[in-house]
């Protein structure tokens, strides 16, 4: 049974920090590109951050602007999202994804990572309010 279990969501004031974690089980974690998405009320789901299977490549949504850091531990089957300088507009449900296609560009090269199977966690609520 595949499970992606997010944790770390909370209510925080603007300028504060949170660390989200996603624990994966039932998959060969190191073979999955991992991503964090978010969905705010009335808005479509959007990519927050993604990390390659090896952890050597990362990408972020334009709105992140250096505030968030994604990381993974292939030994512990976890992916994390450190969020700093949080803003009210970061309020959303944050979802962990395993396997979605990610396109990487580096040094003039372009390549994709994906897995034939794709899984979502149940989401964790982040609320930024003064």
Foldseek 3Di string as FASTA:
>chain_A
DWAWAKDWADEAAAQAKIKIKIAIPDDQLLQWKKFKWWDDPPGDIDTAKIAHSVRPDMDGDPVQVPQKDWGDDSVRRMIMIIGGRDDQVVWTWMKMKIFDKDWDDDPRDIDIGGDPDMDMHPTGTHGYHD
